Amino acid sequence: MLKQNYSYFQYRNLQYIQKGGLGVGAPTSSIFSEIYLKYLGNTKIFDISVKRHIIGLLRYIDEIFIVYQNNRTNIH
């Protein structure tokens, strides 16, 4: 029988259980997150920046900063 591995954490005196996704504080979480963000950056975000005439796109860890011209780019 397989044992389910849940992550437990507490925030503001409330206890939570994480049933899905990457474990909070797990050593591999940052690695898998970085791989996924690189994948998104090289596929979806690049396509959006080309199609929407984005001037600049900067990424730092999990933040994305986008520079665009208001008269050429519809951000919606």
C-alpha atoms as a PDB file:
ATOM      1  CA  MET A   1       0.000   0.000   0.000  1.00  0.00           C
ATOM      2  CA  LEU A   2       1.357   3.423  -0.945  1.00  0.00           C
ATOM      3  CA  LYS A   3       1.498   6.050   1.757  1.00  0.00           C
ATOM      4  CA  GLN A   4       0.385   9.529   0.787  1.00  0.00           C
ATOM      5  CA  ASN A   5       3.007  12.160   1.478  1.00  0.00           C
ATOM      6  CA  TYR A   6       1.444  15.464   2.497  1.00  0.00           C
ATOM      7  CA  SER A   7       3.153  18.683   3.463  1.00  0.00           C
ATOM      8  CA  TYR A   8       1.882  20.342   6.612  1.00  0.00           C
ATOM      9  CA  PHE A   9       2.455  23.986   7.430  1.00  0.00           C
ATOM     10  CA  GLN A  10       1.134  26.684   9.716  1.00  0.00           C
ATOM     11  CA  TYR A  11       0.298  30.302   8.943  1.00  0.00           C
ATOM     12  CA  ARG A  12      -1.226  32.779  11.415  1.00  0.00           C
ATOM     13  CA  ASN A  13      -2.051  30.059  13.937  1.00  0.00           C
ATOM     14  CA  LEU A  14      -3.954  28.016  11.336  1.00  0.00           C
ATOM     15  CA  GLN A  15      -2.682  24.643  10.176  1.00  0.00           C
ATOM     16  CA  TYR A  16      -2.868  23.670   6.499  1.00  0.00           C
ATOM     17  CA  ILE A  17      -2.267  20.483   4.566  1.00  0.00           C
ATOM     18  CA  GLN A  18      -0.926  20.588   1.012  1.00  0.00           C
ATOM     19  CA  LYS A  19      -2.301  17.658  -0.964  1.00  0.00           C
ATOM     20  CA  GLY A  20      -1.011  18.550  -4.419  1.00  0.00           C
ATOM     21  CA  GLY A  21       1.864  20.222  -6.174  1.00  0.00           C
ATOM     22  CA  LEU A  22       5.452  20.526  -5.014  1.00  0.00           C
ATOM     23  CA  GLY A  23       6.103  20.154  -1.317  1.00  0.00           C
ATOM     24  CA  VAL A  24       6.633  23.338   0.666  1.00  0.00           C
ATOM     25  CA  GLY A  25      10.294  23.439   1.679  1.00  0.00           C
ATOM     26  CA  ALA A  26      11.209  20.245  -0.172  1.00  0.00           C
ATOM     27  CA  PRO A  27      14.773  20.307  -1.572  1.00  0.00           C
ATOM     28  CA  THR A  28      13.605  19.479  -5.103  1.00  0.00           C
ATOM     29  CA  SER A  29      10.794  22.061  -5.244  1.00  0.00           C
ATOM     30  CA  SER A  30      13.049  24.926  -6.327  1.00  0.00           C
ATOM     31  CA  ILE A  31      14.689  22.821  -9.038  1.00  0.00           C
ATOM     32  CA  PHE A  32      11.409  21.662 -10.562  1.00  0.00           C
ATOM     33  CA  SER A  33       9.972  25.190 -10.325  1.00  0.00           C
ATOM     34  CA  GLU A  34      12.986  26.627 -12.144  1.00  0.00           C
ATOM     35  CA  ILE A  35      12.738  24.014 -14.909  1.00  0.00           C
ATOM     36  CA  TYR A  36       9.042  24.800 -15.386  1.00  0.00           C
ATOM     37  CA  LEU A  37       9.612  28.574 -15.437  1.00  0.00           C
ATOM     38  CA  LYS A  38      12.378  28.157 -18.030  1.00  0.00           C
ATOM     39  CA  TYR A  39      10.003  26.067 -20.142  1.00  0.00           C
ATOM     40  CA  LEU A  40       7.303  28.748 -19.923  1.00  0.00           C
ATOM     41  CA  GLY A  41       9.816  31.474 -20.731  1.00  0.00           C
ATOM     42  CA  ASN A  42      11.079  29.680 -23.825  1.00  0.00           C
ATOM     43  CA  THR A  43       7.653  28.788 -25.166  1.00  0.00           C
ATOM     44  CA  LYS A  44       4.579  30.702 -24.079  1.00  0.00           C
ATOM     45  CA  ILE A  45       6.067  33.945 -22.784  1.00  0.00           C
ATOM     46  CA  PHE A  46       8.392  34.291 -25.802  1.00  0.00           C
ATOM     47  CA  ASP A  47       5.478  33.779 -28.213  1.00  0.00           C
ATOM     48  CA  ILE A  48       3.385  36.365 -26.370  1.00  0.00           C
ATOM     49  CA  SER A  49       6.232  38.896 -26.389  1.00  0.00           C
ATOM     50  CA  VAL A  50       6.716  38.553 -30.156  1.00  0.00           C
ATOM     51  CA  LYS A  51       3.006  38.664 -31.026  1.00  0.00           C
ATOM     52  CA  ARG A  52       2.206  41.587 -28.713  1.00  0.00           C
ATOM     53  CA  HIS A  53       5.234  43.759 -29.583  1.00  0.00           C
ATOM     54  CA  ILE A  54       6.776  43.624 -26.107  1.00  0.00           C
ATOM     55  CA  ILE A  55       9.879  45.846 -25.876  1.00  0.00           C
ATOM     56  CA  GLY A  56      11.525  44.255 -22.874  1.00  0.00           C
ATOM     57  CA  LEU A  57      10.965  41.193 -20.765  1.00  0.00           C
ATOM     58  CA  LEU A  58      13.072  40.646 -17.652  1.00  0.00           C
ATOM     59  CA  ARG A  59      12.854  37.727 -15.265  1.00  0.00           C
ATOM     60  CA  TYR A  60      14.227  37.383 -11.746  1.00  0.00           C
ATOM     61  CA  ILE A  61      13.561  34.073  -9.978  1.00  0.00           C
ATOM     62  CA  ASP A  62       9.744  33.900 -10.177  1.00  0.00           C
ATOM     63  CA  GLU A  63       8.995  37.516 -11.093  1.00  0.00           C
ATOM     64  CA  ILE A  64       8.494  38.802 -14.643  1.00  0.00           C
ATOM     65  CA  PHE A  65       8.848  42.493 -15.568  1.00  0.00           C
ATOM     66  CA  ILE A  66       7.421  43.507 -18.965  1.00  0.00           C
ATOM     67  CA  VAL A  67       8.031  46.796 -20.806  1.00  0.00           C
ATOM     68  CA  TYR A  68       5.666  47.711 -23.611  1.00  0.00           C
ATOM     69  CA  GLN A  69       4.474  50.704 -25.647  1.00  0.00           C
ATOM     70  CA  ASN A  70       0.953  51.661 -24.719  1.00  0.00           C
ATOM     71  CA  ASN A  71       0.058  52.659 -28.284  1.00  0.00           C
ATOM     72  CA  ARG A  72       1.271  49.339 -29.841  1.00  0.00           C
ATOM     73  CA  THR A  73       0.417  46.779 -27.195  1.00  0.00           C
ATOM     74  CA  ASN A  74      -2.964  45.867 -25.841  1.00  0.00           C
ATOM     75  CA  ILE A  75      -2.173  44.352 -22.444  1.00  0.00           C
ATOM     76  CA  HIS A  76      -5.603  42.746 -22.215  1.00  0.00           C
END
